[in-house]
C-alpha atoms as a PDB file:
ATOM      1  CA  MET A   1      35.822  -3.561  -1.970  1.00  0.00           C
ATOM      2  CA  ARG A   2      32.837  -2.801  -4.201  1.00  0.00           C
ATOM      3  CA  LYS A   3      31.691  -5.118  -6.975  1.00  0.00           C
ATOM      4  CA  GLU A   4      28.917  -4.357  -9.466  1.00  0.00           C
ATOM      5  CA  SER A   5      27.237  -6.788 -11.845  1.00  0.00           C
ATOM      6  CA  ASP A   6      26.164  -6.134 -15.399  1.00  0.00           C
ATOM      7  CA  HIS A   7      22.819  -4.405 -15.783  1.00  0.00           C
ATOM      8  CA  ILE A   8      19.621  -6.068 -16.955  1.00  0.00           C
ATOM      9  CA  THR A   9      17.320  -3.790 -18.930  1.00  0.00           C
ATOM     10  CA  ILE A  10      13.615  -4.450 -18.499  1.00  0.00           C
ATOM     11  CA  SER A  11      11.129  -2.523 -20.619  1.00  0.00           C
ATOM     12  CA  ASN A  12       7.512  -2.780 -21.715  1.00  0.00           C
ATOM     13  CA  ILE A  13       7.811  -0.122 -24.421  1.00  0.00           C
ATOM     14  CA  GLY A  14       6.622  -1.381 -27.802  1.00  0.00           C
ATOM     15  CA  LEU A  15       5.238  -4.656 -26.478  1.00  0.00           C
ATOM     16  CA  LYS A  16       1.915  -5.946 -27.716  1.00  0.00           C
ATOM     17  CA  LYS A  17      -0.954  -5.690 -25.271  1.00  0.00           C
ATOM     18  CA  GLY A  18      -0.750  -8.542 -22.797  1.00  0.00           C
ATOM     19  CA  ALA A  19       2.814  -9.491 -23.738  1.00  0.00           C
ATOM     20  CA  PRO A  20       4.993 -10.053 -20.644  1.00  0.00           C
ATOM     21  CA  CYS A  21       7.959  -7.744 -20.084  1.00  0.00           C
ATOM     22  CA  ILE A  22       9.548 -10.253 -17.714  1.00  0.00           C
ATOM     23  CA  THR A  23      10.765 -13.295 -19.644  1.00  0.00           C
ATOM     24  CA  LYS A  24      12.555 -16.541 -18.816  1.00  0.00           C
ATOM     25  CA  ASP A  25      15.754 -15.101 -20.325  1.00  0.00           C
ATOM     26  CA  ILE A  26      15.690 -12.247 -17.802  1.00  0.00           C
ATOM     27  CA  PHE A  27      15.545 -14.657 -14.869  1.00  0.00           C
ATOM     28  CA  GLU A  28      18.312 -16.787 -16.367  1.00  0.00           C
ATOM     29  CA  ARG A  29      20.510 -13.714 -16.755  1.00  0.00           C
ATOM     30  CA  ALA A  30      19.815 -12.728 -13.151  1.00  0.00           C
ATOM     31  CA  ASP A  31      20.873 -16.193 -11.985  1.00  0.00           C
ATOM     32  CA  GLU A  32      24.137 -15.862 -13.927  1.00  0.00           C
ATOM     33  CA  MET A  33      24.821 -12.477 -12.352  1.00  0.00           C
ATOM     34  CA  ILE A  34      24.107 -13.771  -8.843  1.00  0.00           C
ATOM     35  CA  ALA A  35      26.450 -16.750  -9.411  1.00  0.00           C
ATOM     36  CA  GLU A  36      29.310 -14.345 -10.180  1.00  0.00           C
ATOM     37  CA  PHE A  37      29.244 -13.109  -6.568  1.00  0.00           C
ATOM     38  CA  GLU A  38      29.878 -16.613  -5.173  1.00  0.00           C
ATOM     39  CA  LEU A  39      27.372 -16.174  -2.346  1.00  0.00           C
ATOM     40  CA  ASP A  40      26.518 -19.090  -0.075  1.00  0.00           C
ATOM     41  CA  HIS A  41      23.363 -21.010  -0.960  1.00  0.00           C
ATOM     42  CA  LYS A  42      21.079 -19.105   1.422  1.00  0.00           C
ATOM     43  CA  LYS A  43      22.261 -15.656   0.320  1.00  0.00           C
ATOM     44  CA  ALA A  44      22.040 -16.637  -3.352  1.00  0.00           C
ATOM     45  CA  LEU A  45      18.463 -17.781  -2.773  1.00  0.00           C
ATOM     46  CA  HIS A  46      17.685 -14.451  -1.088  1.00  0.00           C
ATOM     47  CA  ALA A  47      19.144 -12.589  -4.059  1.00  0.00           C
ATOM     48  CA  ARG A  48      16.966 -14.582  -6.453  1.00  0.00           C
ATOM     49  CA  LEU A  49      13.867 -13.954  -4.332  1.00  0.00           C
ATOM     50  CA  ILE A  50      14.329 -10.182  -4.173  1.00  0.00           C
ATOM     51  CA  PHE A  51      14.907 -10.137  -7.934  1.00  0.00           C
ATOM     52  CA  GLU A  52      11.673 -12.072  -8.478  1.00  0.00           C
ATOM     53  CA  GLU A  53       9.757  -9.692  -6.211  1.00  0.00           C
ATOM     54  CA  THR A  54      11.221  -6.655  -7.975  1.00  0.00           C
ATOM     55  CA  ALA A  55      10.396  -8.076 -11.396  1.00  0.00           C
ATOM     56  CA  GLY A  56       6.835  -8.688 -10.250  1.00  0.00           C
ATOM     57  CA  MET A  57       6.504  -5.112  -9.044  1.00  0.00           C
ATOM     58  CA  LEU A  58       7.806  -3.761 -12.363  1.00  0.00           C
ATOM     59  CA  SER A  59       5.358  -5.882 -14.347  1.00  0.00           C
ATOM     60  CA  ASN A  60       2.497  -4.154 -12.499  1.00  0.00           C
ATOM     61  CA  ILE A  61       3.634  -0.580 -13.204  1.00  0.00           C
ATOM     62  CA  ALA A  62       0.778   1.280 -14.925  1.00  0.00           C
ATOM     63  CA  GLY A  63       2.487   2.877 -17.893  1.00  0.00           C
ATOM     64  CA  GLU A  64       5.511   2.538 -20.163  1.00  0.00           C
ATOM     65  CA  PHE A  65       8.870   2.152 -18.475  1.00  0.00           C
ATOM     66  CA  THR A  66      12.486   1.225 -19.035  1.00  0.00           C
ATOM     67  CA  ALA A  67      14.435  -0.012 -16.016  1.00  0.00           C
ATOM     68  CA  ASP A  68      17.990  -1.064 -15.264  1.00  0.00           C
ATOM     69  CA  VAL A  69      18.382  -3.691 -12.544  1.00  0.00           C
ATOM     70  CA  TRP A  70      21.695  -4.881 -11.158  1.00  0.00           C
ATOM     71  CA  PHE A  71      23.439  -6.218  -8.050  1.00  0.00           C
ATOM     72  CA  GLU A  72      26.198  -4.671  -5.949  1.00  0.00           C
ATOM     73  CA  GLU A  73      28.410  -6.055  -3.211  1.00  0.00           C
ATOM     74  CA  ASN A  74      30.791  -4.432  -0.762  1.00  0.00           C
ATOM     75  CA  ASN A  75      32.533  -5.603   2.398  1.00  0.00           C
ATOM     76  CA  HIS A  76      29.339  -5.727   4.438  1.00  0.00           C
ATOM     77  CA  ASN A  77      26.305  -5.584   2.163  1.00  0.00           C
ATOM     78  CA  PHE A  78      24.746  -7.154  -0.893  1.00  0.00           C
ATOM     79  CA  SER A  79      22.072  -5.148  -2.660  1.00  0.00           C
ATOM     80  CA  LEU A  80      19.713  -5.099  -5.604  1.00  0.00           C
ATOM     81  CA  LYS A  81      19.611  -1.738  -7.389  1.00  0.00           C
ATOM     82  CA  LEU A  82      16.936  -0.417  -9.695  1.00  0.00           C
ATOM     83  CA  LYS A  83      16.805   2.775 -11.737  1.00  0.00           C
ATOM     84  CA  ALA A  84      13.953   3.482 -14.121  1.00  0.00           C
ATOM     85  CA  LYS A  85      12.185   6.070 -16.223  1.00  0.00           C
ATOM     86  CA  THR A  86       8.474   5.845 -16.820  1.00  0.00           C
ATOM     87  CA  ARG A  87       5.644   7.514 -18.645  1.00  0.00           C
ATOM     88  CA  MET A  88       2.756   6.998 -16.298  1.00  0.00           C
ATOM     89  CA  ASP A  89      -0.695   6.348 -17.713  1.00  0.00           C
ATOM     90  CA  LEU A  90      -2.939   8.582 -15.608  1.00  0.00           C
ATOM     91  CA  ASP A  91      -6.123   6.980 -16.919  1.00  0.00           C
ATOM     92  CA  LYS A  92      -5.019   3.592 -15.601  1.00  0.00           C
ATOM     93  CA  LYS A  93      -4.341   5.117 -12.213  1.00  0.00           C
ATOM     94  CA  ASN A  94      -7.476   7.226 -11.786  1.00  0.00           C
ATOM     95  CA  ASP A  95      -9.395   4.477 -10.014  1.00  0.00           C
ATOM     96  CA  LEU A  96      -6.480   3.814  -7.662  1.00  0.00           C
ATOM     97  CA  LEU A  97      -6.057   7.494  -6.880  1.00  0.00           C
ATOM     98  CA  SER A  98      -9.719   7.937  -6.074  1.00  0.00           C
ATOM     99  CA  VAL A  99      -9.615   4.884  -3.837  1.00  0.00           C
ATOM    100  CA  ALA A 100      -6.452   6.118  -2.131  1.00  0.00           C
ATOM    101  CA  SER A 101      -8.016   9.512  -1.430  1.00  0.00           C
ATOM    102  CA  ASP A 102     -10.913   7.656   0.229  1.00  0.00           C
ATOM    103  CA  LYS A 103      -8.400   5.784   2.419  1.00  0.00           C
ATOM    104  CA  LYS A 104      -9.622   2.377   1.221  1.00  0.00           C
ATOM    105  CA  ASN A 105      -6.804   1.247  -1.043  1.00  0.00           C
ATOM    106  CA  THR A 106      -8.016  -2.334  -1.260  1.00  0.00           C
ATOM    107  CA  LYS A 107      -6.281  -3.116  -4.576  1.00  0.00           C
ATOM    108  CA  VAL A 108      -2.892  -3.000  -2.876  1.00  0.00           C
ATOM    109  CA  LYS A 109      -1.974  -6.341  -1.340  1.00  0.00           C
ATOM    110  CA  GLY A 110       1.433  -7.079   0.106  1.00  0.00           C
ATOM    111  CA  PHE A 111       4.611  -5.158   0.761  1.00  0.00           C
ATOM    112  CA  MET A 112       5.957  -4.930  -2.792  1.00  0.00           C
ATOM    113  CA  ASP A 113       2.539  -3.762  -4.032  1.00  0.00           C
ATOM    114  CA  LYS A 114       2.844  -0.901  -1.573  1.00  0.00           C
ATOM    115  CA  ILE A 115       6.276   0.063  -2.907  1.00  0.00           C
ATOM    116  CA  GLY A 116       4.924   0.022  -6.453  1.00  0.00           C
ATOM    117  CA  ASP A 117       1.997   2.140  -5.281  1.00  0.00           C
ATOM    118  CA  ILE A 118       4.290   4.682  -3.657  1.00  0.00           C
ATOM    119  CA  ILE A 119       6.405   4.895  -6.818  1.00  0.00           C
ATOM    120  CA  GLN A 120       3.481   5.313  -9.188  1.00  0.00           C
ATOM    121  CA  ASN A 121       1.620   7.869  -7.141  1.00  0.00           C
ATOM    122  CA  GLY A 122       4.852   9.695  -6.310  1.00  0.00           C
ATOM    123  CA  ILE A 123       5.415  10.189 -10.022  1.00  0.00           C
ATOM    124  CA  LEU A 124       1.874  11.474 -10.487  1.00  0.00           C
ATOM    125  CA  ASN A 125       1.517  13.625  -7.404  1.00  0.00           C
ATOM    126  CA  TYR A 126       3.336  13.878  -4.060  1.00  0.00           C
ATOM    127  CA  ASP A 127       0.072  14.623  -2.226  1.00  0.00           C
ATOM    128  CA  TYR A 128      -1.338  11.246  -3.191  1.00  0.00           C
ATOM    129  CA  VAL A 129       1.646   9.480  -1.652  1.00  0.00           C
ATOM    130  CA  MET A 130       1.024  11.230   1.625  1.00  0.00           C
ATOM    131  CA  ASN A 131      -2.609  10.051   1.488  1.00  0.00           C
ATOM    132  CA  LEU A 132      -1.887   6.415   0.621  1.00  0.00           C
ATOM    133  CA  SER A 133      -3.464   4.133   3.156  1.00  0.00           C
ATOM    134  CA  GLN A 134      -5.047   0.743   3.546  1.00  0.00           C
ATOM    135  CA  GLU A 135      -7.509  -0.490   6.118  1.00  0.00           C
ATOM    136  CA  TYR A 136      -6.402  -3.101   8.639  1.00  0.00           C
ATOM    137  CA  ALA A 137      -9.140  -4.330  10.983  1.00  0.00           C
ATOM    138  CA  GLY A 138     -11.224  -1.396   9.762  1.00  0.00           C
ATOM    139  CA  VAL A 139      -8.538   1.149  10.703  1.00  0.00           C
ATOM    140  CA  PRO A 140      -6.737   3.159   7.975  1.00  0.00           C
ATOM    141  CA  VAL A 141      -2.942   2.801   8.190  1.00  0.00           C
ATOM    142  CA  ASN A 142      -1.125   5.447   6.173  1.00  0.00           C
ATOM    143  CA  TYR A 143       1.732   3.400   4.693  1.00  0.00           C
ATOM    144  CA  GLY A 144       2.640   6.149   2.209  1.00  0.00           C
ATOM    145  CA  ALA A 145       3.283   8.825   4.799  1.00  0.00           C
ATOM    146  CA  LEU A 146       4.621   6.513   7.523  1.00  0.00           C
ATOM    147  CA  GLY A 147       7.683   5.588   5.479  1.00  0.00           C
ATOM    148  CA  ILE A 148       8.427   9.090   4.180  1.00  0.00           C
ATOM    149  CA  TYR A 149      11.600  10.650   5.528  1.00  0.00           C
ATOM    150  CA  GLY A 150      12.808  14.238   5.254  1.00  0.00           C
ATOM    151  CA  SER A 151      10.754  17.426   5.642  1.00  0.00           C
ATOM    152  CA  SER A 152       7.839  18.298   3.360  1.00  0.00           C
ATOM    153  CA  ASP A 153       9.764  21.300   2.028  1.00  0.00           C
ATOM    154  CA  ALA A 154      12.747  19.099   1.150  1.00  0.00           C
ATOM    155  CA  LEU A 155      10.518  16.553  -0.553  1.00  0.00           C
ATOM    156  CA  LEU A 156       9.055  19.181  -2.835  1.00  0.00           C
ATOM    157  CA  GLN A 157      12.577  19.925  -4.048  1.00  0.00           C
ATOM    158  CA  SER A 158      14.111  16.461  -4.067  1.00  0.00           C
ATOM    159  CA  GLY A 159      11.080  14.262  -4.697  1.00  0.00           C
ATOM    160  CA  VAL A 160       9.543  11.491  -2.619  1.00  0.00           C
ATOM    161  CA  MET A 161      11.880   9.513  -0.361  1.00  0.00           C
ATOM    162  CA  TRP A 162      10.586   6.398   1.407  1.00  0.00           C
ATOM    163  CA  SER A 163      12.357   3.701   3.376  1.00  0.00           C
ATOM    164  CA  LEU A 164      11.420   0.416   4.986  1.00  0.00           C
ATOM    165  CA  SER A 165      13.305   1.348   8.162  1.00  0.00           C
ATOM    166  CA  SER A 166      11.320   4.599   8.537  1.00  0.00           C
ATOM    167  CA  TYR A 167       8.096   2.700   7.903  1.00  0.00           C
ATOM    168  CA  LYS A 168       8.997   0.099  10.551  1.00  0.00           C
ATOM    169  CA  ASP A 169       9.934   2.797  13.065  1.00  0.00           C
ATOM    170  CA  SER A 170       6.648   4.618  12.486  1.00  0.00           C
ATOM    171  CA  LEU A 171       4.613   1.432  12.808  1.00  0.00           C
ATOM    172  CA  SER A 172       6.454   0.553  16.010  1.00  0.00           C
ATOM    173  CA  GLU A 173       5.745   3.977  17.510  1.00  0.00           C
ATOM    174  CA  GLU A 174       2.029   3.697  16.715  1.00  0.00           C
ATOM    175  CA  MET A 175       1.603   0.018  17.595  1.00  0.00           C
ATOM    176  CA  GLU A 176      -0.392   0.685  20.759  1.00  0.00           C
ATOM    177  CA  ALA A 177      -2.256   3.713  19.431  1.00  0.00           C
ATOM    178  CA  GLU A 178      -4.055   2.009  16.534  1.00  0.00           C
ATOM    179  CA  GLY A 179      -5.259  -1.572  16.334  1.00  0.00           C
ATOM    180  CA  GLY A 180      -4.814  -1.630  12.553  1.00  0.00           C
ATOM    181  CA  VAL A 181      -1.081  -0.999  12.878  1.00  0.00           C
ATOM    182  CA  LYS A 182      -0.589  -4.466  14.400  1.00  0.00           C
ATOM    183  CA  GLU A 183      -2.035  -6.050  11.246  1.00  0.00           C
ATOM    184  CA  ALA A 184       0.190  -3.860   9.065  1.00  0.00           C
ATOM    185  CA  TRP A 185       3.189  -5.058  11.110  1.00  0.00           C
ATOM    186  CA  ASP A 186       2.096  -8.689  10.738  1.00  0.00           C
ATOM    187  CA  GLU A 187       1.903  -8.133   6.971  1.00  0.00           C
ATOM    188  CA  LEU A 188       5.507  -6.930   7.000  1.00  0.00           C
ATOM    189  CA  GLU A 189       6.614 -10.024   8.876  1.00  0.00           C
ATOM    190  CA  ARG A 190       5.004 -12.207   6.200  1.00  0.00           C
ATOM    191  CA  SER A 191       6.753 -10.337   3.379  1.00  0.00           C
ATOM    192  CA  ILE A 192       9.672 -12.094   1.694  1.00  0.00           C
ATOM    193  CA  VAL A 193      11.492  -8.840   0.913  1.00  0.00           C
ATOM    194  CA  ALA A 194      10.835  -7.200   4.286  1.00  0.00           C
ATOM    195  CA  SER A 195      12.150 -10.289   6.099  1.00  0.00           C
ATOM    196  CA  ILE A 196      15.288 -10.549   3.962  1.00  0.00           C
ATOM    197  CA  ALA A 197      16.222  -6.873   3.590  1.00  0.00           C
ATOM    198  CA  LYS A 198      18.084  -4.706   6.073  1.00  0.00           C
ATOM    199  CA  ASP A 199      16.383  -1.787   4.383  1.00  0.00           C
ATOM    200  CA  VAL A 200      14.548  -0.783   1.230  1.00  0.00           C
ATOM    201  CA  LEU A 201      15.154   2.736  -0.075  1.00  0.00           C
ATOM    202  CA  VAL A 202      12.850   4.302  -2.647  1.00  0.00           C
ATOM    203  CA  GLY A 203      13.341   7.643  -4.366  1.00  0.00           C
ATOM    204  CA  VAL A 204      10.954   9.271  -6.835  1.00  0.00           C
ATOM    205  CA  LYS A 205      11.535  12.503  -8.700  1.00  0.00           C
ATOM    206  CA  GLY A 206       9.779  13.623 -11.854  1.00  0.00           C
ATOM    207  CA  ASN A 207       9.418  10.631 -14.158  1.00  0.00           C
ATOM    208  CA  THR A 208      12.315   8.635 -12.679  1.00  0.00           C
ATOM    209  CA  PHE A 209      12.541   6.347  -9.687  1.00  0.00           C
ATOM    210  CA  GLU A 210      15.257   4.387  -7.935  1.00  0.00           C
ATOM    211  CA  MET A 211      15.122   1.553  -5.446  1.00  0.00           C
ATOM    212  CA  THR A 212      17.763  -0.205  -3.391  1.00  0.00           C
ATOM    213  CA  ILE A 213      17.076  -3.433  -1.497  1.00  0.00           C
ATOM    214  CA  LEU A 214      19.923  -3.724   0.987  1.00  0.00           C
ATOM    215  CA  CYS A 215      20.794  -7.116   2.483  1.00  0.00           C
ATOM    216  CA  ASP A 216      23.507  -8.516   4.734  1.00  0.00           C
ATOM    217  CA  LYS A 217      26.328 -10.114   2.799  1.00  0.00           C
END
């Protein structure tokens, strides 16, 4: 049986410079929505944590956006869902794109930063997603391409599709080949979302993006 919560709308459109788009009221509403599912204490805490991480990622999006965030539950899974439209500010991303093309994306720290990076660059240009990388122990690890699933031809038609499970599989396959991959794996193990989630699915097409963080019920 599927259950869906109300949606929380988060937007930075029309806000004064420096004004936060994530407010105390938003977190209070999220807590109310989580309580409606009557999860045990541990699962409710996990739900709150993935909401906090998602809110943090949204607050770092470079450009105007409006997003709907909600929770869903079925017989086996509990998930956070996100659907958003954005108008990306290319000027704000130029420095990141140039860094990414040099394979030294040092501004990206942590797992949720990487997801935000994939979303933003996927909106701007698919090629940049494929070139996203970060150095671990001096070795570039291509986190953008490692998590991509589907053929290149399909991606051009349907947009960028990235998943945590594909990223983990790719890291596992390359663990012995590159020393930097071990550090990238250790980073995943330290991530709150990556440790809680069964999978994270990201889709980007045009100026819209969707994300699902799938957890055990």
